[in-house]
């Protein structure tokens, strides 16, 4: 199981946020088109992620829905036939939401992923994810998220507790 510390916030000015990220030393990696299909499960979250030009993956994750930096545990499994798997999971579990977004991925301090997301039907968001090695007590990762959030000038009132799926499902 992999872990990270993450923070999600609404963005009022995506261009200004991108400029602040660059000024803080974040390096752009790629722009991705993603479609996440969320399935109904009794605990945590389960989604099928499909990306243009990349293999699909089934992602199981668990985290608290709090408006602030939070620890997340996740497992990724590659998927060879996403359409067939999606159909089977939809039949067995039901679909909660489908989230479509354009994601600009940047890296900061080597282990922090910065996502600038344009989410269809929701607007602009930023996600900060500080990856944690297995032995970490998460103090370093919490500090990285806090420092990058400050560099991006993220206002506390913009921080979001829910997942995109929850926001779409209403």
N, C-alpha and C. Protein backbone atom coordinates (compact mmCIF):
# COMPACT_ATOMS: atom_id res chain seq x y z
N UNK A 1 0.85 -1.18 0.00
CA UNK A 1 0.00 0.00 0.00
C UNK A 1 0.90 1.24 0.00
N UNK A 2 0.60 2.18 -0.87
CA UNK A 2 1.33 3.45 -0.94
C UNK A 2 0.61 4.49 -0.10
N UNK A 3 1.38 5.53 0.31
CA UNK A 3 0.79 6.61 1.13
C UNK A 3 1.25 7.96 0.63
N UNK A 4 0.43 8.95 0.89
CA UNK A 4 0.84 10.33 0.67
C UNK A 4 0.07 11.23 1.62
N UNK A 5 0.44 12.50 1.62
CA UNK A 5 -0.32 13.53 2.31
C UNK A 5 -0.80 14.47 1.22
N UNK A 6 -2.09 14.80 1.25
CA UNK A 6 -2.64 15.58 0.16
C UNK A 6 -3.54 16.70 0.66
N UNK A 7 -3.73 17.66 -0.24
CA UNK A 7 -4.59 18.80 0.02
C UNK A 7 -5.23 19.19 -1.31
N UNK A 8 -6.52 19.48 -1.28
CA UNK A 8 -7.24 19.93 -2.47
C UNK A 8 -7.90 21.26 -2.17
N UNK A 9 -7.84 22.18 -3.17
CA UNK A 9 -8.47 23.48 -3.00
C UNK A 9 -9.02 23.98 -4.33
N UNK A 10 -10.08 24.76 -4.24
CA UNK A 10 -10.60 25.44 -5.43
C UNK A 10 -9.59 26.51 -5.83
N UNK A 11 -9.57 26.83 -7.11
CA UNK A 11 -8.67 27.84 -7.64
C UNK A 11 -9.51 28.91 -8.34
N UNK A 12 -9.30 30.16 -7.97
CA UNK A 12 -10.03 31.25 -8.60
C UNK A 12 -9.35 31.73 -9.88
N UNK A 13 -8.01 31.65 -9.92
CA UNK A 13 -7.24 32.10 -11.07
C UNK A 13 -6.18 31.04 -11.39
N UNK A 14 -6.50 30.14 -12.33
CA UNK A 14 -5.61 29.03 -12.66
C UNK A 14 -4.26 29.51 -13.19
N UNK A 15 -4.27 30.55 -14.02
CA UNK A 15 -3.02 31.07 -14.59
C UNK A 15 -2.11 31.61 -13.49
N UNK A 16 -2.66 32.34 -12.54
CA UNK A 16 -1.86 32.88 -11.44
C UNK A 16 -1.32 31.75 -10.56
N UNK A 17 -2.12 30.72 -10.34
CA UNK A 17 -1.67 29.58 -9.54
C UNK A 17 -0.52 28.87 -10.24
N UNK A 18 -0.61 28.70 -11.56
CA UNK A 18 0.47 28.08 -12.33
C UNK A 18 1.74 28.92 -12.22
N UNK A 19 1.63 30.22 -12.32
CA UNK A 19 2.81 31.09 -12.21
C UNK A 19 3.44 31.00 -10.82
N UNK A 20 2.61 30.95 -9.77
CA UNK A 20 3.14 30.81 -8.41
C UNK A 20 3.86 29.46 -8.26
N UNK A 21 3.29 28.42 -8.85
CA UNK A 21 3.91 27.09 -8.79
C UNK A 21 5.28 27.10 -9.46
N UNK A 22 5.35 27.70 -10.63
CA UNK A 22 6.64 27.81 -11.33
C UNK A 22 7.64 28.62 -10.51
N UNK A 23 7.17 29.72 -9.93
CA UNK A 23 8.06 30.57 -9.12
C UNK A 23 8.58 29.82 -7.90
N UNK A 24 7.78 28.89 -7.38
CA UNK A 24 8.20 28.09 -6.22
C UNK A 24 9.14 26.95 -6.61
N UNK A 25 9.35 26.77 -7.90
CA UNK A 25 10.27 25.73 -8.36
C UNK A 25 9.61 24.48 -8.91
N UNK A 26 8.30 24.49 -9.05
CA UNK A 26 7.62 23.33 -9.62
C UNK A 26 7.94 23.22 -11.11
N UNK A 27 8.11 22.00 -11.58
CA UNK A 27 8.49 21.73 -12.97
C UNK A 27 7.33 21.00 -13.64
N UNK A 28 6.90 21.52 -14.78
CA UNK A 28 5.81 20.90 -15.51
C UNK A 28 6.27 19.59 -16.15
N UNK A 29 5.40 18.58 -16.05
CA UNK A 29 5.72 17.26 -16.58
C UNK A 29 4.86 16.94 -17.80
N UNK A 30 3.53 17.06 -17.65
CA UNK A 30 2.64 16.64 -18.72
C UNK A 30 1.24 17.20 -18.46
N UNK A 31 0.46 17.28 -19.52
CA UNK A 31 -0.96 17.59 -19.40
C UNK A 31 -1.72 16.33 -19.79
N UNK A 32 -2.65 15.91 -18.94
CA UNK A 32 -3.37 14.65 -19.12
C UNK A 32 -4.87 14.89 -19.25
N UNK A 33 -5.51 14.09 -20.07
CA UNK A 33 -6.97 14.03 -20.12
C UNK A 33 -7.36 12.77 -19.35
N UNK A 34 -8.12 12.92 -18.28
CA UNK A 34 -8.47 11.78 -17.42
C UNK A 34 -9.97 11.61 -17.29
N UNK A 35 -10.36 10.36 -17.20
CA UNK A 35 -11.75 10.00 -16.91
C UNK A 35 -11.70 8.99 -15.77
N UNK A 36 -12.31 9.35 -14.64
CA UNK A 36 -12.36 8.49 -13.47
C UNK A 36 -13.79 8.04 -13.24
N UNK A 37 -14.01 6.73 -13.26
CA UNK A 37 -15.33 6.17 -12.97
C UNK A 37 -15.28 5.60 -11.56
N UNK A 38 -16.10 6.16 -10.68
CA UNK A 38 -16.14 5.76 -9.27
C UNK A 38 -17.26 4.73 -9.06
N UNK A 39 -16.92 3.67 -8.34
CA UNK A 39 -17.86 2.59 -8.07
C UNK A 39 -18.29 2.61 -6.61
N UNK A 40 -19.51 2.13 -6.36
CA UNK A 40 -20.06 2.09 -5.00
C UNK A 40 -19.39 0.97 -4.22
N UNK A 41 -18.71 1.31 -3.16
CA UNK A 41 -18.05 0.32 -2.30
C UNK A 41 -18.36 0.67 -0.85
N UNK A 42 -18.34 -0.34 0.04
CA UNK A 42 -18.72 -0.09 1.44
C UNK A 42 -17.70 0.73 2.24
N UNK A 43 -16.45 0.74 1.82
CA UNK A 43 -15.43 1.50 2.54
C UNK A 43 -14.40 2.06 1.59
N UNK A 44 -13.91 3.25 1.86
CA UNK A 44 -12.93 3.87 0.98
C UNK A 44 -13.54 4.24 -0.36
N UNK A 45 -12.70 4.32 -1.36
CA UNK A 45 -13.16 4.65 -2.71
C UNK A 45 -12.48 3.72 -3.71
N UNK A 46 -13.18 3.47 -4.81
CA UNK A 46 -12.66 2.63 -5.88
C UNK A 46 -12.99 3.30 -7.19
N UNK A 47 -11.94 3.55 -8.00
CA UNK A 47 -12.17 4.20 -9.29
C UNK A 47 -11.34 3.54 -10.37
N UNK A 48 -11.86 3.60 -11.58
CA UNK A 48 -11.12 3.18 -12.76
C UNK A 48 -10.65 4.45 -13.43
N UNK A 49 -9.32 4.61 -13.55
CA UNK A 49 -8.76 5.81 -14.19
C UNK A 49 -8.33 5.46 -15.60
N UNK A 50 -8.88 6.22 -16.55
CA UNK A 50 -8.48 6.09 -17.94
C UNK A 50 -7.87 7.42 -18.38
N UNK A 51 -6.68 7.34 -19.00
CA UNK A 51 -5.96 8.52 -19.43
C UNK A 51 -5.56 8.37 -20.89
N UNK A 52 -5.66 9.46 -21.63
CA UNK A 52 -5.24 9.45 -23.01
C UNK A 52 -3.75 9.13 -23.09
N UNK A 53 -3.41 8.11 -23.87
CA UNK A 53 -2.00 7.78 -24.09
C UNK A 53 -1.31 7.01 -22.98
N UNK A 54 -2.05 6.58 -21.97
CA UNK A 54 -1.45 5.83 -20.85
C UNK A 54 -2.34 4.64 -20.52
N UNK A 55 -1.75 3.61 -19.92
CA UNK A 55 -2.57 2.46 -19.52
C UNK A 55 -3.58 2.83 -18.43
N UNK A 56 -4.72 2.19 -18.44
CA UNK A 56 -5.73 2.39 -17.40
C UNK A 56 -5.27 1.74 -16.10
N UNK A 57 -5.85 2.20 -14.99
CA UNK A 57 -5.52 1.63 -13.68
C UNK A 57 -6.76 1.64 -12.80
N UNK A 58 -6.89 0.60 -12.00
CA UNK A 58 -7.90 0.55 -10.95
C UNK A 58 -7.23 1.11 -9.70
N UNK A 59 -7.87 2.07 -9.05
CA UNK A 59 -7.29 2.75 -7.89
C UNK A 59 -8.23 2.58 -6.70
N UNK A 60 -7.73 1.94 -5.66
CA UNK A 60 -8.46 1.84 -4.40
C UNK A 60 -7.76 2.77 -3.41
N UNK A 61 -8.53 3.62 -2.73
CA UNK A 61 -7.89 4.50 -1.76
C UNK A 61 -8.81 4.82 -0.60
N UNK A 62 -8.15 5.26 0.48
CA UNK A 62 -8.86 5.59 1.71
C UNK A 62 -8.22 6.83 2.30
N UNK A 63 -9.07 7.78 2.70
CA UNK A 63 -8.59 8.99 3.37
C UNK A 63 -9.77 9.65 4.07
N UNK A 64 -9.44 10.46 5.06
CA UNK A 64 -10.48 11.20 5.77
C UNK A 64 -10.96 12.36 4.90
N UNK A 65 -12.24 12.68 4.99
CA UNK A 65 -12.79 13.82 4.27
C UNK A 65 -12.73 15.04 5.18
N UNK A 66 -11.54 15.61 5.29
CA UNK A 66 -11.34 16.82 6.10
C UNK A 66 -10.79 17.92 5.21
N UNK A 67 -11.12 19.15 5.53
CA UNK A 67 -10.67 20.30 4.75
C UNK A 67 -9.30 20.74 5.25
N UNK A 68 -8.28 20.02 4.82
CA UNK A 68 -6.92 20.32 5.21
C UNK A 68 -6.02 19.20 4.76
N UNK A 69 -4.74 19.29 5.04
CA UNK A 69 -3.83 18.20 4.68
C UNK A 69 -4.27 16.91 5.36
N UNK A 70 -4.27 15.83 4.59
CA UNK A 70 -4.74 14.54 5.13
C UNK A 70 -3.94 13.41 4.52
N UNK A 71 -3.76 12.37 5.32
CA UNK A 71 -3.06 11.18 4.86
C UNK A 71 -3.99 10.34 4.00
N UNK A 72 -3.43 9.73 2.98
CA UNK A 72 -4.18 8.87 2.09
C UNK A 72 -3.38 7.60 1.85
N UNK A 73 -4.06 6.47 1.86
CA UNK A 73 -3.45 5.19 1.50
C UNK A 73 -4.10 4.73 0.21
N UNK A 74 -3.29 4.20 -0.72
CA UNK A 74 -3.85 3.81 -2.00
C UNK A 74 -3.10 2.63 -2.61
N UNK A 75 -3.78 1.96 -3.50
CA UNK A 75 -3.21 0.84 -4.25
C UNK A 75 -3.62 1.00 -5.70
N UNK A 76 -2.66 0.86 -6.61
CA UNK A 76 -2.91 0.96 -8.05
C UNK A 76 -2.74 -0.42 -8.68
N UNK A 77 -3.66 -0.78 -9.56
CA UNK A 77 -3.56 -2.05 -10.30
C UNK A 77 -3.74 -1.76 -11.78
N UNK A 78 -2.77 -2.13 -12.62
CA UNK A 78 -2.92 -1.90 -14.05
C UNK A 78 -4.10 -2.68 -14.61
N UNK A 79 -4.74 -2.10 -15.63
CA UNK A 79 -5.92 -2.71 -16.23
C UNK A 79 -5.70 -2.85 -17.73
N UNK A 80 -5.79 -4.08 -18.24
CA UNK A 80 -5.57 -4.33 -19.66
C UNK A 80 -6.81 -4.02 -20.51
N UNK A 81 -8.00 -4.26 -19.97
CA UNK A 81 -9.24 -4.07 -20.72
C UNK A 81 -10.19 -3.21 -19.89
N UNK A 82 -9.99 -1.87 -19.90
CA UNK A 82 -10.78 -1.01 -19.03
C UNK A 82 -12.28 -1.03 -19.32
N UNK A 83 -12.67 -1.12 -20.58
CA UNK A 83 -14.10 -1.12 -20.90
C UNK A 83 -14.79 -2.34 -20.31
N UNK A 84 -14.16 -3.48 -20.41
CA UNK A 84 -14.75 -4.72 -19.88
C UNK A 84 -14.78 -4.69 -18.35
N UNK A 85 -13.69 -4.24 -17.74
CA UNK A 85 -13.66 -4.16 -16.28
C UNK A 85 -14.69 -3.16 -15.77
N UNK A 86 -14.80 -2.03 -16.43
CA UNK A 86 -15.77 -1.02 -16.02
C UNK A 86 -17.19 -1.58 -16.08
N UNK A 87 -17.48 -2.32 -17.13
CA UNK A 87 -18.80 -2.93 -17.25
C UNK A 87 -19.08 -3.92 -16.14
N UNK A 88 -18.09 -4.75 -15.82
CA UNK A 88 -18.27 -5.75 -14.78
C UNK A 88 -18.44 -5.09 -13.41
N UNK A 89 -17.62 -4.08 -13.12
CA UNK A 89 -17.73 -3.40 -11.82
C UNK A 89 -19.04 -2.61 -11.72
N UNK A 90 -19.46 -2.00 -12.81
CA UNK A 90 -20.73 -1.27 -12.80
C UNK A 90 -21.89 -2.22 -12.53
N UNK A 91 -21.85 -3.39 -13.13
CA UNK A 91 -22.89 -4.39 -12.93
C UNK A 91 -22.92 -4.89 -11.48
N UNK A 92 -21.73 -5.16 -10.93
CA UNK A 92 -21.65 -5.73 -9.59
C UNK A 92 -21.82 -4.69 -8.48
N UNK A 93 -21.29 -3.48 -8.68
CA UNK A 93 -21.23 -2.50 -7.60
C UNK A 93 -22.08 -1.25 -7.83
N UNK A 94 -22.27 -0.88 -9.07
CA UNK A 94 -22.94 0.37 -9.40
C UNK A 94 -21.94 1.50 -9.52
N UNK A 95 -22.26 2.49 -10.34
CA UNK A 95 -21.40 3.65 -10.56
C UNK A 95 -21.93 4.81 -9.73
N UNK A 96 -21.03 5.46 -8.97
CA UNK A 96 -21.39 6.63 -8.15
C UNK A 96 -21.27 7.92 -8.94
N UNK A 97 -20.21 8.03 -9.73
CA UNK A 97 -19.95 9.27 -10.46
C UNK A 97 -18.88 9.01 -11.52
N UNK A 98 -18.89 9.86 -12.53
CA UNK A 98 -17.84 9.87 -13.54
C UNK A 98 -17.26 11.28 -13.55
N UNK A 99 -15.94 11.36 -13.37
CA UNK A 99 -15.25 12.65 -13.31
C UNK A 99 -14.33 12.75 -14.52
N UNK A 100 -14.53 13.81 -15.30
CA UNK A 100 -13.67 14.06 -16.46
C UNK A 100 -12.91 15.35 -16.22
N UNK A 101 -11.59 15.30 -16.46
CA UNK A 101 -10.79 16.48 -16.17
C UNK A 101 -9.57 16.55 -17.08
N UNK A 102 -9.07 17.77 -17.20
CA UNK A 102 -7.76 18.02 -17.79
C UNK A 102 -6.84 18.33 -16.63
N UNK A 103 -5.77 17.57 -16.52
CA UNK A 103 -4.84 17.70 -15.38
C UNK A 103 -3.47 18.12 -15.89
N UNK A 104 -2.98 19.23 -15.35
CA UNK A 104 -1.60 19.66 -15.60
C UNK A 104 -0.79 19.16 -14.41
N UNK A 105 0.16 18.26 -14.67
CA UNK A 105 0.97 17.65 -13.62
C UNK A 105 2.32 18.35 -13.55
N UNK A 106 2.67 18.79 -12.32
CA UNK A 106 3.97 19.38 -12.06
C UNK A 106 4.61 18.62 -10.90
N UNK A 107 5.93 18.66 -10.81
CA UNK A 107 6.66 18.06 -9.69
C UNK A 107 7.39 19.15 -8.92
N UNK A 108 7.42 18.99 -7.60
CA UNK A 108 8.07 19.96 -6.71
C UNK A 108 8.85 19.19 -5.66
N UNK A 109 10.07 19.57 -5.40
CA UNK A 109 10.93 18.91 -4.42
C UNK A 109 10.97 17.40 -4.62
N UNK A 110 10.96 16.96 -5.84
CA UNK A 110 11.12 15.57 -6.28
C UNK A 110 10.01 14.61 -5.87
N UNK A 111 9.39 14.78 -4.72
CA UNK A 111 8.39 13.81 -4.25
C UNK A 111 6.98 14.37 -4.16
N UNK A 112 6.81 15.63 -4.55
CA UNK A 112 5.49 16.25 -4.43
C UNK A 112 4.90 16.45 -5.83
N UNK A 113 3.72 15.86 -6.02
CA UNK A 113 2.99 16.03 -7.28
C UNK A 113 1.99 17.18 -7.08
N UNK A 114 2.00 18.09 -8.02
CA UNK A 114 1.08 19.22 -8.01
C UNK A 114 0.17 19.06 -9.22
N UNK A 115 -1.12 18.98 -8.97
CA UNK A 115 -2.10 18.83 -10.05
C UNK A 115 -2.90 20.12 -10.17
N UNK A 116 -2.90 20.71 -11.35
CA UNK A 116 -3.78 21.83 -11.65
C UNK A 116 -4.87 21.24 -12.54
N UNK A 117 -6.08 21.13 -11.99
CA UNK A 117 -7.17 20.41 -12.64
C UNK A 117 -8.27 21.34 -13.11
N UNK A 118 -8.75 21.09 -14.32
CA UNK A 118 -9.98 21.69 -14.84
C UNK A 118 -10.98 20.54 -14.89
N UNK A 119 -11.93 20.54 -13.97
CA UNK A 119 -12.87 19.43 -13.83
C UNK A 119 -14.19 19.81 -14.48
N UNK A 120 -14.62 18.98 -15.44
CA UNK A 120 -15.86 19.27 -16.15
C UNK A 120 -17.02 19.36 -15.17
N UNK A 121 -17.73 20.47 -15.21
CA UNK A 121 -18.90 20.68 -14.37
C UNK A 121 -18.58 21.25 -12.99
N UNK A 122 -17.30 21.33 -12.62
CA UNK A 122 -16.93 21.82 -11.28
C UNK A 122 -16.03 23.05 -11.31
N UNK A 123 -15.14 23.15 -12.30
CA UNK A 123 -14.23 24.28 -12.36
C UNK A 123 -12.78 23.92 -12.10
N UNK A 124 -12.02 24.89 -11.61
CA UNK A 124 -10.57 24.76 -11.43
C UNK A 124 -10.21 24.40 -9.99
N UNK A 125 -9.24 23.49 -9.87
CA UNK A 125 -8.77 23.03 -8.56
C UNK A 125 -7.27 22.82 -8.60
N UNK A 126 -6.67 22.79 -7.42
CA UNK A 126 -5.28 22.38 -7.27
C UNK A 126 -5.25 21.26 -6.25
N UNK A 127 -4.44 20.24 -6.53
CA UNK A 127 -4.19 19.16 -5.57
C UNK A 127 -2.69 19.09 -5.34
N UNK A 128 -2.31 18.99 -4.09
CA UNK A 128 -0.92 18.80 -3.71
C UNK A 128 -0.83 17.42 -3.08
N UNK A 129 0.08 16.57 -3.58
CA UNK A 129 0.25 15.22 -3.04
C UNK A 129 1.73 14.97 -2.76
N UNK A 130 2.08 14.86 -1.49
CA UNK A 130 3.45 14.57 -1.09
C UNK A 130 3.58 13.07 -0.82
N UNK A 131 4.31 12.38 -1.69
CA UNK A 131 4.49 10.93 -1.58
C UNK A 131 5.35 10.59 -0.36
N UNK A 132 4.96 9.51 0.33
CA UNK A 132 5.64 9.12 1.57
C UNK A 132 6.26 7.73 1.42
N UNK A 133 7.52 7.58 1.83
CA UNK A 133 8.10 6.24 1.88
C UNK A 133 7.46 5.45 3.02
N UNK A 134 7.54 4.12 2.98
CA UNK A 134 6.87 3.29 4.00
C UNK A 134 7.25 3.63 5.44
N UNK A 135 8.50 4.04 5.67
CA UNK A 135 8.96 4.30 7.04
C UNK A 135 8.61 5.69 7.55
N UNK A 136 8.01 6.54 6.74
CA UNK A 136 7.75 7.92 7.12
C UNK A 136 6.69 8.03 8.21
N UNK A 137 6.90 8.99 9.12
CA UNK A 137 5.87 9.32 10.12
C UNK A 137 4.94 10.41 9.58
N UNK A 138 5.15 10.82 8.33
CA UNK A 138 4.36 11.80 7.57
C UNK A 138 4.61 13.26 7.97
N UNK A 139 5.52 13.50 8.91
CA UNK A 139 5.82 14.89 9.31
C UNK A 139 6.42 15.68 8.14
N UNK A 140 7.38 15.08 7.44
CA UNK A 140 8.01 15.75 6.29
C UNK A 140 6.97 16.06 5.22
N UNK A 141 6.10 15.11 4.94
CA UNK A 141 5.10 15.27 3.89
C UNK A 141 4.07 16.35 4.26
N UNK A 142 3.66 16.39 5.53
CA UNK A 142 2.76 17.45 5.98
C UNK A 142 3.43 18.81 5.82
N UNK A 143 4.72 18.90 6.15
CA UNK A 143 5.46 20.15 6.01
C UNK A 143 5.55 20.57 4.54
N UNK A 144 5.81 19.62 3.65
CA UNK A 144 5.88 19.95 2.22
C UNK A 144 4.55 20.50 1.71
N UNK A 145 3.46 19.85 2.09
CA UNK A 145 2.14 20.31 1.65
C UNK A 145 1.87 21.71 2.19
N UNK A 146 2.18 21.93 3.46
CA UNK A 146 1.96 23.25 4.06
C UNK A 146 2.77 24.33 3.35
N UNK A 147 4.06 24.05 3.08
CA UNK A 147 4.92 25.05 2.43
C UNK A 147 4.48 25.34 1.00
N UNK A 148 4.11 24.31 0.25
CA UNK A 148 3.68 24.55 -1.13
C UNK A 148 2.33 25.28 -1.16
N UNK A 149 1.43 24.93 -0.26
CA UNK A 149 0.14 25.64 -0.18
C UNK A 149 0.37 27.13 0.10
N UNK A 150 1.32 27.43 0.98
CA UNK A 150 1.64 28.82 1.28
C UNK A 150 2.24 29.52 0.05
N UNK A 151 3.14 28.83 -0.65
CA UNK A 151 3.74 29.42 -1.86
C UNK A 151 2.70 29.68 -2.94
N UNK A 152 1.66 28.86 -2.98
CA UNK A 152 0.59 29.04 -3.97
C UNK A 152 -0.46 30.04 -3.50
N UNK A 153 -0.30 30.53 -2.27
CA UNK A 153 -1.24 31.49 -1.67
C UNK A 153 -2.66 30.92 -1.62
N UNK A 154 -2.78 29.65 -1.22
CA UNK A 154 -4.09 29.02 -1.11
C UNK A 154 -4.79 29.50 0.16
N UNK A 155 -5.94 30.06 0.00
CA UNK A 155 -6.73 30.54 1.12
C UNK A 155 -7.43 29.36 1.79
N UNK A 156 -7.44 29.34 3.10
CA UNK A 156 -8.07 28.25 3.86
C UNK A 156 -9.52 28.02 3.44
N UNK A 157 -10.23 29.07 3.09
CA UNK A 157 -11.65 28.93 2.72
C UNK A 157 -11.83 28.22 1.38
N UNK A 158 -10.78 28.08 0.58
CA UNK A 158 -10.87 27.40 -0.71
C UNK A 158 -10.61 25.91 -0.59
N UNK A 159 -10.09 25.46 0.56
CA UNK A 159 -9.75 24.05 0.74
C UNK A 159 -11.02 23.20 0.73
N UNK A 160 -10.94 22.05 0.06
CA UNK A 160 -12.08 21.18 -0.16
C UNK A 160 -11.84 19.86 0.57
N UNK A 161 -12.86 19.37 1.29
CA UNK A 161 -12.77 18.11 2.00
C UNK A 161 -13.15 16.92 1.13
N UNK A 162 -14.07 17.12 0.21
CA UNK A 162 -14.66 16.02 -0.56
C UNK A 162 -13.84 15.67 -1.80
N UNK A 163 -14.10 14.48 -2.33
CA UNK A 163 -13.50 14.08 -3.59
C UNK A 163 -14.28 14.71 -4.74
N UNK A 164 -13.68 14.71 -5.93
CA UNK A 164 -14.40 15.22 -7.10
C UNK A 164 -15.69 14.43 -7.30
N UNK A 165 -15.65 13.14 -7.08
CA UNK A 165 -16.85 12.30 -7.25
C UNK A 165 -17.97 12.76 -6.31
N UNK A 166 -17.63 13.06 -5.07
CA UNK A 166 -18.62 13.54 -4.11
C UNK A 166 -19.20 14.89 -4.53
N UNK A 167 -18.33 15.77 -5.04
CA UNK A 167 -18.77 17.09 -5.48
C UNK A 167 -19.72 16.99 -6.68
N UNK A 168 -19.42 16.08 -7.60
CA UNK A 168 -20.27 15.90 -8.78
C UNK A 168 -21.59 15.25 -8.40
N UNK A 169 -21.52 14.22 -7.54
CA UNK A 169 -22.73 13.50 -7.14
C UNK A 169 -23.66 14.40 -6.32
N UNK A 170 -23.07 15.43 -5.71
CA UNK A 170 -23.86 16.41 -4.95
C UNK A 170 -24.33 15.90 -3.65
